[in-house]
C-alpha atoms as a PDB file:
ATOM      1  CA  UNK A   1      84.750 -98.319 -95.224  1.00  0.00           C
ATOM      2  CA  UNK A   2      84.599 -96.101 -92.156  1.00  0.00           C
ATOM      3  CA  UNK A   3      87.017 -98.106 -90.043  1.00  0.00           C
ATOM      4  CA  UNK A   4      84.299 -99.591 -87.862  1.00  0.00           C
ATOM      5  CA  UNK A   5      84.277-102.839 -89.802  1.00  0.00           C
ATOM      6  CA  UNK A   6      88.056-103.148 -89.688  1.00  0.00           C
ATOM      7  CA  UNK A   7      88.192-102.468 -85.951  1.00  0.00           C
ATOM      8  CA  UNK A   8      85.365-104.944 -85.316  1.00  0.00           C
ATOM      9  CA  UNK A   9      87.165-107.588 -87.390  1.00  0.00           C
ATOM     10  CA  UNK A  10      90.505-106.995 -85.682  1.00  0.00           C
ATOM     11  CA  UNK A  11      89.313-106.700 -82.069  1.00  0.00           C
ATOM     12  CA  UNK A  12      86.094-108.708 -82.115  1.00  0.00           C
ATOM     13  CA  UNK A  13      84.298-108.594 -78.788  1.00  0.00           C
ATOM     14  CA  UNK A  14      87.306-106.863 -77.175  1.00  0.00           C
ATOM     15  CA  UNK A  15      86.039-103.558 -78.617  1.00  0.00           C
ATOM     16  CA  UNK A  16      82.672-101.893 -78.248  1.00  0.00           C
ATOM     17  CA  UNK A  17      82.011 -99.638 -81.223  1.00  0.00           C
ATOM     18  CA  UNK A  18      79.324 -96.976 -81.313  1.00  0.00           C
ATOM     19  CA  UNK A  19      78.484 -93.934 -83.362  1.00  0.00           C
ATOM     20  CA  UNK A  20      77.276 -90.608 -82.104  1.00  0.00           C
ATOM     21  CA  UNK A  21      76.768 -87.407 -84.102  1.00  0.00           C
ATOM     22  CA  UNK A  22      78.612 -88.939 -87.051  1.00  0.00           C
ATOM     23  CA  UNK A  23      81.737 -89.816 -85.054  1.00  0.00           C
ATOM     24  CA  UNK A  24      82.858 -93.315 -84.196  1.00  0.00           C
ATOM     25  CA  UNK A  25      83.725 -94.198 -80.598  1.00  0.00           C
ATOM     26  CA  UNK A  26      85.724 -97.297 -79.691  1.00  0.00           C
ATOM     27  CA  UNK A  27      85.927 -98.616 -76.129  1.00  0.00           C
ATOM     28  CA  UNK A  28      88.553-101.200 -75.165  1.00  0.00           C
ATOM     29  CA  UNK A  29      90.036-102.659 -72.003  1.00  0.00           C
ATOM     30  CA  UNK A  30      93.291-101.115 -70.715  1.00  0.00           C
ATOM     31  CA  UNK A  31      95.217-104.190 -71.899  1.00  0.00           C
ATOM     32  CA  UNK A  32      94.149-103.420 -75.504  1.00  0.00           C
ATOM     33  CA  UNK A  33      94.798 -99.650 -75.354  1.00  0.00           C
ATOM     34  CA  UNK A  34      98.204 -99.534 -77.053  1.00  0.00           C
ATOM     35  CA  UNK A  35      97.217-102.161 -79.617  1.00  0.00           C
ATOM     36  CA  UNK A  36      94.154-100.065 -80.564  1.00  0.00           C
ATOM     37  CA  UNK A  37      96.158 -96.837 -80.834  1.00  0.00           C
ATOM     38  CA  UNK A  38      98.824 -98.521 -82.956  1.00  0.00           C
ATOM     39  CA  UNK A  39      96.243-100.199 -85.188  1.00  0.00           C
ATOM     40  CA  UNK A  40      94.293 -97.027 -85.964  1.00  0.00           C
ATOM     41  CA  UNK A  41      97.535 -95.119 -86.617  1.00  0.00           C
ATOM     42  CA  UNK A  42      99.225 -97.718 -88.845  1.00  0.00           C
ATOM     43  CA  UNK A  43      96.366 -99.555 -90.535  1.00  0.00           C
ATOM     44  CA  UNK A  44      93.571 -96.968 -90.613  1.00  0.00           C
ATOM     45  CA  UNK A  45      95.824 -93.934 -91.220  1.00  0.00           C
ATOM     46  CA  UNK A  46      94.668 -91.944 -88.183  1.00  0.00           C
ATOM     47  CA  UNK A  47      98.081 -90.314 -88.040  1.00  0.00           C
ATOM     48  CA  UNK A  48      97.006 -87.070 -86.386  1.00  0.00           C
ATOM     49  CA  UNK A  49      96.815 -87.189 -82.587  1.00  0.00           C
ATOM     50  CA  UNK A  50      94.483 -84.429 -81.441  1.00  0.00           C
ATOM     51  CA  UNK A  51      94.112 -84.773 -77.659  1.00  0.00           C
ATOM     52  CA  UNK A  52      93.923 -87.085 -74.657  1.00  0.00           C
ATOM     53  CA  UNK A  53      92.286 -86.484 -71.296  1.00  0.00           C
ATOM     54  CA  UNK A  54      90.556 -88.130 -68.379  1.00  0.00           C
ATOM     55  CA  UNK A  55      86.984 -88.144 -67.140  1.00  0.00           C
ATOM     56  CA  UNK A  56      86.242 -88.860 -63.489  1.00  0.00           C
ATOM     57  CA  UNK A  57      83.341 -91.291 -63.166  1.00  0.00           C
ATOM     58  CA  UNK A  58      82.942 -92.023 -59.464  1.00  0.00           C
ATOM     59  CA  UNK A  59      82.824 -94.217 -57.600  1.00  0.00           C
ATOM     60  CA  UNK A  60      84.940 -96.718 -59.509  1.00  0.00           C
ATOM     61  CA  UNK A  61      86.635 -95.457 -62.677  1.00  0.00           C
ATOM     62  CA  UNK A  62      88.468 -92.882 -64.704  1.00  0.00           C
ATOM     63  CA  UNK A  63      87.797 -92.914 -68.424  1.00  0.00           C
ATOM     64  CA  UNK A  64      90.806 -92.074 -70.585  1.00  0.00           C
ATOM     65  CA  UNK A  65      89.749 -90.562 -73.890  1.00  0.00           C
ATOM     66  CA  UNK A  66      91.895 -89.938 -76.972  1.00  0.00           C
ATOM     67  CA  UNK A  67      90.833 -88.218 -80.180  1.00  0.00           C
ATOM     68  CA  UNK A  68      92.658 -89.103 -83.397  1.00  0.00           C
ATOM     69  CA  UNK A  69      92.107 -88.012 -86.988  1.00  0.00           C
ATOM     70  CA  UNK A  70      92.667 -89.370 -90.484  1.00  0.00           C
ATOM     71  CA  UNK A  71      93.490 -86.232 -92.524  1.00  0.00           C
ATOM     72  CA  UNK A  72      93.235 -88.000 -95.894  1.00  0.00           C
ATOM     73  CA  UNK A  73      89.767 -89.423 -95.344  1.00  0.00           C
ATOM     74  CA  UNK A  74      88.623 -86.650 -93.001  1.00  0.00           C
ATOM     75  CA  UNK A  75      87.514 -89.155 -90.349  1.00  0.00           C
ATOM     76  CA  UNK A  76      87.757 -88.866 -86.575  1.00  0.00           C
ATOM     77  CA  UNK A  77      87.862 -91.558 -83.924  1.00  0.00           C
ATOM     78  CA  UNK A  78      87.215 -91.220 -80.230  1.00  0.00           C
ATOM     79  CA  UNK A  79      89.105 -93.952 -78.377  1.00  0.00           C
ATOM     80  CA  UNK A  80      88.336 -94.769 -74.743  1.00  0.00           C
ATOM     81  CA  UNK A  81      89.395 -97.073 -71.961  1.00  0.00           C
ATOM     82  CA  UNK A  82      88.616 -97.302 -68.256  1.00  0.00           C
ATOM     83  CA  UNK A  83      91.101 -97.536 -65.410  1.00  0.00           C
ATOM     84  CA  UNK A  84      90.079 -98.322 -61.841  1.00  0.00           C
ATOM     85  CA  UNK A  85      90.074 -95.437 -59.400  1.00  0.00           C
ATOM     86  CA  UNK A  86      91.910 -97.444 -56.736  1.00  0.00           C
ATOM     87  CA  UNK A  87      94.776 -98.365 -59.113  1.00  0.00           C
ATOM     88  CA  UNK A  88      94.779 -95.830 -61.978  1.00  0.00           C
ATOM     89  CA  UNK A  89      97.553 -97.195 -64.204  1.00  0.00           C
ATOM     90  CA  UNK A  90      97.612 -97.249 -68.009  1.00  0.00           C
ATOM     91  CA  UNK A  91     100.372 -97.857 -70.525  1.00  0.00           C
ATOM     92  CA  UNK A  92     101.700 -94.654 -72.043  1.00  0.00           C
ATOM     93  CA  UNK A  93     100.713 -93.742 -75.593  1.00  0.00           C
ATOM     94  CA  UNK A  94     103.875 -91.686 -76.164  1.00  0.00           C
ATOM     95  CA  UNK A  95     105.509 -94.545 -78.108  1.00  0.00           C
ATOM     96  CA  UNK A  96     102.585 -94.489 -80.551  1.00  0.00           C
ATOM     97  CA  UNK A  97     101.818 -90.764 -80.687  1.00  0.00           C
ATOM     98  CA  UNK A  98     104.586 -88.456 -79.469  1.00  0.00           C
ATOM     99  CA  UNK A  99     102.010 -85.714 -79.029  1.00  0.00           C
ATOM    100  CA  UNK A 100     100.447 -87.677 -76.155  1.00  0.00           C
ATOM    101  CA  UNK A 101     103.348 -86.637 -73.912  1.00  0.00           C
ATOM    102  CA  UNK A 102     101.976 -83.392 -72.481  1.00  0.00           C
ATOM    103  CA  UNK A 103      98.386 -84.647 -72.516  1.00  0.00           C
ATOM    104  CA  UNK A 104      99.335 -87.614 -70.343  1.00  0.00           C
ATOM    105  CA  UNK A 105     101.307 -85.344 -68.008  1.00  0.00           C
ATOM    106  CA  UNK A 106      98.284 -83.090 -67.606  1.00  0.00           C
ATOM    107  CA  UNK A 107      95.966 -86.076 -67.039  1.00  0.00           C
ATOM    108  CA  UNK A 108      98.408 -87.436 -64.454  1.00  0.00           C
ATOM    109  CA  UNK A 109      98.520 -84.092 -62.684  1.00  0.00           C
ATOM    110  CA  UNK A 110      94.800 -83.308 -62.787  1.00  0.00           C
ATOM    111  CA  UNK A 111      93.348 -86.807 -62.208  1.00  0.00           C
ATOM    112  CA  UNK A 112      96.193 -88.882 -60.755  1.00  0.00           C
ATOM    113  CA  UNK A 113      96.227 -91.433 -63.585  1.00  0.00           C
ATOM    114  CA  UNK A 114      99.701 -92.943 -63.851  1.00  0.00           C
ATOM    115  CA  UNK A 115     100.934 -93.640 -67.375  1.00  0.00           C
ATOM    116  CA  UNK A 116     103.368 -96.512 -67.024  1.00  0.00           C
ATOM    117  CA  UNK A 117     106.720 -96.076 -68.813  1.00  0.00           C
ATOM    118  CA  UNK A 118     106.035 -92.431 -69.651  1.00  0.00           C
ATOM    119  CA  UNK A 119     109.402 -90.764 -70.399  1.00  0.00           C
ATOM    120  CA  UNK A 120     108.856 -87.739 -68.115  1.00  0.00           C
ATOM    121  CA  UNK A 121     105.742 -88.061 -65.954  1.00  0.00           C
ATOM    122  CA  UNK A 122     106.174 -84.888 -63.902  1.00  0.00           C
ATOM    123  CA  UNK A 123     103.717 -82.077 -63.129  1.00  0.00           C
ATOM    124  CA  UNK A 124     103.064 -79.719 -66.009  1.00  0.00           C
ATOM    125  CA  UNK A 125     100.712 -76.924 -64.942  1.00  0.00           C
ATOM    126  CA  UNK A 126     100.297 -76.687 -61.179  1.00  0.00           C
ATOM    127  CA  UNK A 127     102.727 -74.913 -58.845  1.00  0.00           C
ATOM    128  CA  UNK A 128     105.437 -76.889 -57.052  1.00  0.00           C
ATOM    129  CA  UNK A 129     104.170 -78.549 -53.914  1.00  0.00           C
ATOM    130  CA  UNK A 130     100.511 -78.600 -54.995  1.00  0.00           C
ATOM    131  CA  UNK A 131      98.721 -81.466 -53.281  1.00  0.00           C
ATOM    132  CA  UNK A 132      95.884 -83.426 -54.822  1.00  0.00           C
ATOM    133  CA  UNK A 133      94.322 -83.763 -58.240  1.00  0.00           C
ATOM    134  CA  UNK A 134      91.986 -80.826 -58.897  1.00  0.00           C
ATOM    135  CA  UNK A 135      89.810 -82.368 -61.624  1.00  0.00           C
ATOM    136  CA  UNK A 136      88.738 -85.310 -59.487  1.00  0.00           C
ATOM    137  CA  UNK A 137      85.181 -84.908 -58.337  1.00  0.00           C
ATOM    138  CA  UNK A 138      86.191 -85.644 -54.750  1.00  0.00           C
ATOM    139  CA  UNK A 139      88.792 -82.837 -54.697  1.00  0.00           C
ATOM    140  CA  UNK A 140      87.900 -80.281 -52.026  1.00  0.00           C
ATOM    141  CA  UNK A 141      88.314 -76.678 -53.096  1.00  0.00           C
ATOM    142  CA  UNK A 142      90.185 -75.350 -50.065  1.00  0.00           C
ATOM    143  CA  UNK A 143      89.427 -71.738 -50.917  1.00  0.00           C
ATOM    144  CA  UNK A 144      85.706 -72.451 -50.515  1.00  0.00           C
ATOM    145  CA  UNK A 145      86.276 -74.134 -47.159  1.00  0.00           C
ATOM    146  CA  UNK A 146      88.287 -71.165 -45.832  1.00  0.00           C
ATOM    147  CA  UNK A 147      85.971 -68.530 -47.270  1.00  0.00           C
ATOM    148  CA  UNK A 148      82.378 -69.177 -48.370  1.00  0.00           C
ATOM    149  CA  UNK A 149      81.485 -68.639 -51.990  1.00  0.00           C
ATOM    150  CA  UNK A 150      80.416 -64.992 -52.297  1.00  0.00           C
ATOM    151  CA  UNK A 151      77.486 -65.552 -54.638  1.00  0.00           C
ATOM    152  CA  UNK A 152      74.212 -66.593 -53.046  1.00  0.00           C
ATOM    153  CA  UNK A 153      72.252 -69.140 -55.022  1.00  0.00           C
ATOM    154  CA  UNK A 154      68.881 -68.326 -53.477  1.00  0.00           C
ATOM    155  CA  UNK A 155      67.563 -65.160 -51.836  1.00  0.00           C
ATOM    156  CA  UNK A 156      68.612 -65.090 -48.207  1.00  0.00           C
ATOM    157  CA  UNK A 157      71.144 -67.916 -48.585  1.00  0.00           C
ATOM    158  CA  UNK A 158      74.115 -65.654 -47.959  1.00  0.00           C
ATOM    159  CA  UNK A 159      72.862 -64.738 -44.480  1.00  0.00           C
ATOM    160  CA  UNK A 160      72.392 -61.092 -45.411  1.00  0.00           C
ATOM    161  CA  UNK A 161      68.633 -61.295 -45.945  1.00  0.00           C
ATOM    162  CA  UNK A 162      66.772 -61.172 -49.192  1.00  0.00           C
ATOM    163  CA  UNK A 163      68.282 -59.039 -51.916  1.00  0.00           C
ATOM    164  CA  UNK A 164      66.618 -55.700 -52.473  1.00  0.00           C
ATOM    165  CA  UNK A 165      65.811 -54.585 -55.973  1.00  0.00           C
ATOM    166  CA  UNK A 166      65.961 -50.981 -56.984  1.00  0.00           C
ATOM    167  CA  UNK A 167      62.477 -49.704 -57.549  1.00  0.00           C
ATOM    168  CA  UNK A 168      62.120 -47.984 -60.879  1.00  0.00           C
ATOM    169  CA  UNK A 169      59.203 -46.796 -62.920  1.00  0.00           C
ATOM    170  CA  UNK A 170      58.802 -47.322 -66.631  1.00  0.00           C
ATOM    171  CA  UNK A 171      59.811 -44.375 -68.822  1.00  0.00           C
ATOM    172  CA  UNK A 172      57.186 -41.616 -68.967  1.00  0.00           C
ATOM    173  CA  UNK A 173      55.375 -42.626 -65.751  1.00  0.00           C
ATOM    174  CA  UNK A 174      55.189 -39.796 -63.207  1.00  0.00           C
ATOM    175  CA  UNK A 175      56.898 -40.416 -59.874  1.00  0.00           C
ATOM    176  CA  UNK A 176      53.723 -39.833 -57.899  1.00  0.00           C
ATOM    177  CA  UNK A 177      51.678 -42.319 -59.907  1.00  0.00           C
ATOM    178  CA  UNK A 178      50.919 -45.767 -58.516  1.00  0.00           C
ATOM    179  CA  UNK A 179      50.456 -47.214 -55.037  1.00  0.00           C
ATOM    180  CA  UNK A 180      52.098 -45.377 -52.143  1.00  0.00           C
ATOM    181  CA  UNK A 181      55.346 -46.861 -50.778  1.00  0.00           C
ATOM    182  CA  UNK A 182      54.779 -48.919 -47.679  1.00  0.00           C
END
């Protein structure tokens, strides 16, 4: 068995199970998050915690995604839950997978998702005093507000006129051959 049947039997309609590119994805409500993580670790032998992160899906949610692995069977699971943007709280997975510690800290710092009862939910990567959550889609890149992005996307967009290309002739063509320069 791949684990899908066991998860479906255990969680019933509380879990949505899908398969994509040979990997199984399980979606549950935040209230079932820790139960799902514990179940796949203890009963399905997905003992290896690979990573956890967030995905900003405006306007309403953040998706929390964890990837776990069963090294004996060589099977992966992608586990997901959604937390509301206006109250982004989720129970910490550190009690189930110790390796979730830094991943939850990074997700807290970059997205603002609060992992309740986390043992040390403090910033991990950004400098002291940094304000905001830079991986949220509504985060304003202050550097681009203060100074426009230097690369023009379309000719003339930068305000400096259309870019000029260097005129060159193919190899072996004499310089005086072709139409006169205007």
